[in-house]
Amino acid sequence: MIRDIAFQGAGCAISSASASLMTEALKGKPVDEVEHLFEAFHNVVTGDCECPRGLGKLSVLAGVRDYPSRVKCATLAWHAVRAALEERKVPVATE
């Protein structure tokens, strides 16, 4: 269970908004649900899925799919939390 989650950093409005909404969405959720939410969010912002069902407030970022250069901004915090949960020692990439 993710009992507490926060982010600290500087970035564009999209990356900050995504990180903030992500922390709200993940707090109180079981760790095994993170991957499901990551995939659902990633599919929405990359255009692989048109309907953001089950994403709650995160669905406001669905329009990012129309700006491919901003997808990395929207997904950076998600890649970081995924790497932290997997205890990866290498730097996070949005690729």
N, C-alpha and C. Protein backbone atom coordinates (compact mmCIF):
# COMPACT_ATOMS: atom_id res chain seq x y z
N MET A 1 0.85 -1.18 0.00
CA MET A 1 0.00 0.00 0.00
C MET A 1 0.89 1.24 0.00
N ILE A 2 0.56 2.18 -0.86
CA ILE A 2 1.29 3.45 -0.90
C ILE A 2 0.64 4.37 0.12
N ARG A 3 1.31 4.51 1.24
CA ARG A 3 0.75 5.30 2.33
C ARG A 3 1.03 6.79 2.17
N ASP A 4 2.21 7.10 1.64
CA ASP A 4 2.59 8.49 1.49
C ASP A 4 3.40 8.62 0.21
N ILE A 5 3.18 9.67 -0.52
CA ILE A 5 3.90 9.92 -1.77
C ILE A 5 3.94 11.42 -1.99
N ALA A 6 5.05 11.90 -2.49
CA ALA A 6 5.23 13.32 -2.77
C ALA A 6 6.25 13.47 -3.88
N PHE A 7 6.32 14.64 -4.44
CA PHE A 7 7.36 14.91 -5.42
C PHE A 7 7.98 16.25 -5.11
N GLN A 8 9.22 16.39 -5.51
CA GLN A 8 9.94 17.65 -5.36
C GLN A 8 10.73 17.84 -6.63
N GLY A 9 10.55 18.93 -7.27
CA GLY A 9 11.28 19.16 -8.50
C GLY A 9 10.77 20.40 -9.21
N ALA A 10 11.45 20.71 -10.28
CA ALA A 10 11.08 21.85 -11.10
C ALA A 10 10.89 21.35 -12.53
N GLY A 11 9.92 21.89 -13.18
CA GLY A 11 9.66 21.49 -14.56
C GLY A 11 8.56 22.34 -15.13
N CYS A 12 8.13 21.97 -16.30
CA CYS A 12 7.06 22.72 -16.96
C CYS A 12 5.73 22.47 -16.24
N ALA A 13 4.72 23.23 -16.62
CA ALA A 13 3.40 23.11 -16.00
C ALA A 13 2.82 21.71 -16.17
N ILE A 14 3.05 21.11 -17.33
CA ILE A 14 2.49 19.77 -17.58
C ILE A 14 3.14 18.74 -16.67
N SER A 15 4.46 18.78 -16.54
CA SER A 15 5.12 17.78 -15.68
C SER A 15 4.74 17.98 -14.22
N SER A 16 4.63 19.23 -13.78
CA SER A 16 4.24 19.50 -12.39
C SER A 16 2.80 19.07 -12.13
N ALA A 17 1.91 19.39 -13.05
CA ALA A 17 0.51 19.00 -12.88
C ALA A 17 0.36 17.48 -12.88
N SER A 18 1.06 16.82 -13.79
CA SER A 18 0.98 15.37 -13.87
C SER A 18 1.51 14.72 -12.59
N ALA A 19 2.62 15.23 -12.09
CA ALA A 19 3.19 14.67 -10.85
C ALA A 19 2.25 14.88 -9.68
N SER A 20 1.64 16.06 -9.60
CA SER A 20 0.71 16.35 -8.51
C SER A 20 -0.52 15.44 -8.58
N LEU A 21 -1.10 15.32 -9.77
CA LEU A 21 -2.27 14.46 -9.94
C LEU A 21 -1.92 12.99 -9.71
N MET A 22 -0.71 12.60 -10.12
CA MET A 22 -0.26 11.22 -9.90
C MET A 22 -0.18 10.91 -8.41
N THR A 23 0.38 11.83 -7.63
CA THR A 23 0.50 11.56 -6.19
C THR A 23 -0.87 11.40 -5.56
N GLU A 24 -1.84 12.22 -5.99
CA GLU A 24 -3.22 12.09 -5.48
C GLU A 24 -3.81 10.73 -5.87
N ALA A 25 -3.57 10.34 -7.11
CA ALA A 25 -4.16 9.09 -7.62
C ALA A 25 -3.56 7.85 -6.96
N LEU A 26 -2.28 7.90 -6.62
CA LEU A 26 -1.60 6.71 -6.09
C LEU A 26 -1.68 6.56 -4.58
N LYS A 27 -1.86 7.65 -3.88
CA LYS A 27 -1.90 7.58 -2.42
C LYS A 27 -3.04 6.69 -1.95
N GLY A 28 -2.70 5.71 -1.13
CA GLY A 28 -3.69 4.79 -0.59
C GLY A 28 -3.95 3.58 -1.47
N LYS A 29 -3.31 3.53 -2.62
CA LYS A 29 -3.51 2.40 -3.55
C LYS A 29 -2.49 1.30 -3.27
N PRO A 30 -2.86 0.05 -3.56
CA PRO A 30 -1.89 -1.05 -3.45
C PRO A 30 -0.79 -0.86 -4.49
N VAL A 31 0.41 -1.25 -4.16
CA VAL A 31 1.56 -1.10 -5.05
C VAL A 31 1.31 -1.79 -6.38
N ASP A 32 0.65 -2.93 -6.36
CA ASP A 32 0.44 -3.65 -7.62
C ASP A 32 -0.53 -2.93 -8.56
N GLU A 33 -1.22 -1.92 -8.07
CA GLU A 33 -2.12 -1.14 -8.92
C GLU A 33 -1.40 -0.03 -9.67
N VAL A 34 -0.19 0.30 -9.25
CA VAL A 34 0.58 1.36 -9.89
C VAL A 34 0.82 1.05 -11.36
N GLU A 35 1.23 -0.16 -11.66
CA GLU A 35 1.51 -0.54 -13.05
C GLU A 35 0.25 -0.41 -13.91
N HIS A 36 -0.87 -0.82 -13.39
CA HIS A 36 -2.14 -0.71 -14.13
C HIS A 36 -2.45 0.76 -14.43
N LEU A 37 -2.32 1.62 -13.43
CA LEU A 37 -2.59 3.04 -13.63
C LEU A 37 -1.57 3.66 -14.58
N PHE A 38 -0.30 3.25 -14.45
CA PHE A 38 0.74 3.74 -15.37
C PHE A 38 0.36 3.42 -16.81
N GLU A 39 0.01 2.17 -17.06
CA GLU A 39 -0.34 1.74 -18.42
C GLU A 39 -1.57 2.47 -18.94
N ALA A 40 -2.59 2.62 -18.11
CA ALA A 40 -3.81 3.31 -18.53
C ALA A 40 -3.51 4.77 -18.86
N PHE A 41 -2.75 5.44 -17.99
CA PHE A 41 -2.40 6.84 -18.22
C PHE A 41 -1.54 6.98 -19.47
N HIS A 42 -0.53 6.12 -19.58
CA HIS A 42 0.37 6.18 -20.74
C HIS A 42 -0.40 5.96 -22.04
N ASN A 43 -1.32 5.02 -22.04
CA ASN A 43 -2.13 4.77 -23.24
C ASN A 43 -2.97 5.98 -23.63
N VAL A 44 -3.48 6.68 -22.65
CA VAL A 44 -4.30 7.86 -22.92
C VAL A 44 -3.44 9.00 -23.49
N VAL A 45 -2.30 9.28 -22.87
CA VAL A 45 -1.51 10.43 -23.33
C VAL A 45 -0.72 10.14 -24.60
N THR A 46 -0.53 8.88 -24.95
CA THR A 46 0.16 8.57 -26.20
C THR A 46 -0.82 8.37 -27.34
N GLY A 47 -2.11 8.37 -27.04
CA GLY A 47 -3.12 8.24 -28.09
C GLY A 47 -3.51 6.81 -28.38
N ASP A 48 -3.01 5.85 -27.60
CA ASP A 48 -3.36 4.45 -27.81
C ASP A 48 -4.76 4.12 -27.31
N CYS A 49 -5.34 5.03 -26.56
CA CYS A 49 -6.69 4.84 -26.02
C CYS A 49 -7.36 6.20 -25.97
N GLU A 50 -8.50 6.33 -26.56
CA GLU A 50 -9.21 7.61 -26.60
C GLU A 50 -9.96 7.92 -25.31
N CYS A 51 -10.46 6.90 -24.63
CA CYS A 51 -11.30 7.17 -23.47
C CYS A 51 -10.53 6.92 -22.17
N PRO A 52 -10.39 7.95 -21.37
CA PRO A 52 -9.64 7.84 -20.12
C PRO A 52 -10.47 7.32 -18.95
N ARG A 53 -11.14 6.19 -19.13
CA ARG A 53 -11.96 5.62 -18.04
C ARG A 53 -11.10 5.22 -16.86
N GLY A 54 -11.62 5.49 -15.69
CA GLY A 54 -10.95 5.07 -14.47
C GLY A 54 -9.76 5.91 -14.06
N LEU A 55 -9.50 7.00 -14.76
CA LEU A 55 -8.34 7.82 -14.43
C LEU A 55 -8.68 9.02 -13.55
N GLY A 56 -9.95 9.27 -13.37
CA GLY A 56 -10.34 10.40 -12.54
C GLY A 56 -9.77 11.71 -13.06
N LYS A 57 -9.19 12.49 -12.15
CA LYS A 57 -8.63 13.80 -12.52
C LYS A 57 -7.51 13.70 -13.55
N LEU A 58 -6.85 12.57 -13.60
CA LEU A 58 -5.75 12.40 -14.56
C LEU A 58 -6.22 12.54 -16.00
N SER A 59 -7.50 12.35 -16.23
CA SER A 59 -8.02 12.44 -17.60
C SER A 59 -7.89 13.84 -18.19
N VAL A 60 -7.69 14.87 -17.34
CA VAL A 60 -7.51 16.22 -17.88
C VAL A 60 -6.25 16.33 -18.73
N LEU A 61 -5.32 15.40 -18.57
CA LEU A 61 -4.08 15.43 -19.35
C LEU A 61 -4.18 14.65 -20.66
N ALA A 62 -5.35 14.14 -20.98
CA ALA A 62 -5.52 13.36 -22.20
C ALA A 62 -5.17 14.16 -23.45
N GLY A 63 -5.38 15.45 -23.43
CA GLY A 63 -5.09 16.29 -24.59
C GLY A 63 -3.62 16.36 -24.95
N VAL A 64 -2.76 15.92 -24.06
CA VAL A 64 -1.33 15.92 -24.31
C VAL A 64 -1.00 15.08 -25.54
N ARG A 65 -1.82 14.10 -25.83
CA ARG A 65 -1.57 13.22 -26.98
C ARG A 65 -1.49 14.01 -28.28
N ASP A 66 -2.09 15.19 -28.33
CA ASP A 66 -2.04 16.02 -29.53
C ASP A 66 -0.72 16.77 -29.67
N TYR A 67 0.14 16.68 -28.66
CA TYR A 67 1.43 17.37 -28.64
C TYR A 67 2.51 16.36 -28.23
N PRO A 68 2.98 15.55 -29.17
CA PRO A 68 3.93 14.47 -28.84
C PRO A 68 5.15 14.90 -28.03
N SER A 69 5.62 16.11 -28.23
CA SER A 69 6.79 16.54 -27.46
C SER A 69 6.46 16.75 -25.99
N ARG A 70 5.18 16.83 -25.64
CA ARG A 70 4.77 17.02 -24.25
C ARG A 70 4.44 15.72 -23.53
N VAL A 71 4.36 14.63 -24.27
CA VAL A 71 4.06 13.34 -23.64
C VAL A 71 5.14 13.00 -22.61
N LYS A 72 6.39 13.29 -22.93
CA LYS A 72 7.47 13.03 -21.98
C LYS A 72 7.29 13.84 -20.70
N CYS A 73 6.81 15.07 -20.84
CA CYS A 73 6.55 15.90 -19.66
C CYS A 73 5.50 15.26 -18.76
N ALA A 74 4.44 14.78 -19.40
CA ALA A 74 3.32 14.21 -18.65
C ALA A 74 3.66 12.87 -18.01
N THR A 75 4.60 12.13 -18.58
CA THR A 75 4.89 10.79 -18.07
C THR A 75 6.16 10.69 -17.21
N LEU A 76 6.92 11.76 -17.11
CA LEU A 76 8.19 11.69 -16.37
C LEU A 76 8.02 11.21 -14.93
N ALA A 77 7.10 11.81 -14.19
CA ALA A 77 6.90 11.41 -12.79
C ALA A 77 6.45 9.95 -12.69
N TRP A 78 5.65 9.51 -13.66
CA TRP A 78 5.19 8.12 -13.68
C TRP A 78 6.36 7.16 -13.87
N HIS A 79 7.28 7.51 -14.77
CA HIS A 79 8.47 6.68 -14.96
C HIS A 79 9.33 6.67 -13.70
N ALA A 80 9.39 7.80 -13.01
CA ALA A 80 10.18 7.89 -11.78
C ALA A 80 9.61 7.01 -10.67
N VAL A 81 8.29 7.05 -10.49
CA VAL A 81 7.68 6.23 -9.43
C VAL A 81 7.80 4.74 -9.76
N ARG A 82 7.67 4.42 -11.02
CA ARG A 82 7.83 3.02 -11.45
C ARG A 82 9.26 2.54 -11.15
N ALA A 83 10.25 3.37 -11.47
CA ALA A 83 11.65 3.02 -11.22
C ALA A 83 11.92 2.88 -9.72
N ALA A 84 11.33 3.76 -8.93
CA ALA A 84 11.52 3.69 -7.48
C ALA A 84 10.95 2.40 -6.91
N LEU A 85 9.77 2.02 -7.36
CA LEU A 85 9.15 0.79 -6.87
C LEU A 85 9.92 -0.45 -7.30
N GLU A 86 10.59 -0.37 -8.45
CA GLU A 86 11.41 -1.49 -8.94
C GLU A 86 12.83 -1.43 -8.39
N GLU A 87 13.11 -0.38 -7.60
CA GLU A 87 14.43 -0.15 -6.99
C GLU A 87 15.54 -0.14 -8.03
N ARG A 88 15.25 0.49 -9.17
CA ARG A 88 16.26 0.62 -10.23
C ARG A 88 17.34 1.60 -9.81
N LYS A 89 18.56 1.32 -10.18
CA LYS A 89 19.69 2.16 -9.82
C LYS A 89 20.14 3.07 -10.97
N VAL A 90 19.54 2.88 -12.14
CA VAL A 90 19.92 3.70 -13.30
C VAL A 90 19.00 4.92 -13.40
N PRO A 91 19.47 5.99 -14.05
CA PRO A 91 18.62 7.19 -14.19
C PRO A 91 17.32 6.86 -14.94
N VAL A 92 16.29 7.61 -14.60
CA VAL A 92 14.98 7.41 -15.21
C VAL A 92 14.96 8.03 -16.60
N ALA A 93 14.34 7.32 -17.54
CA ALA A 93 14.17 7.84 -18.90
C ALA A 93 12.69 7.70 -19.27
N THR A 94 12.24 8.58 -20.12
CA THR A 94 10.84 8.54 -20.55
C THR A 94 10.68 7.80 -21.86
N GLU A 95 11.65 7.08 -22.27
CA GLU A 95 11.60 6.33 -23.53
C GLU A 95 11.01 4.97 -23.32
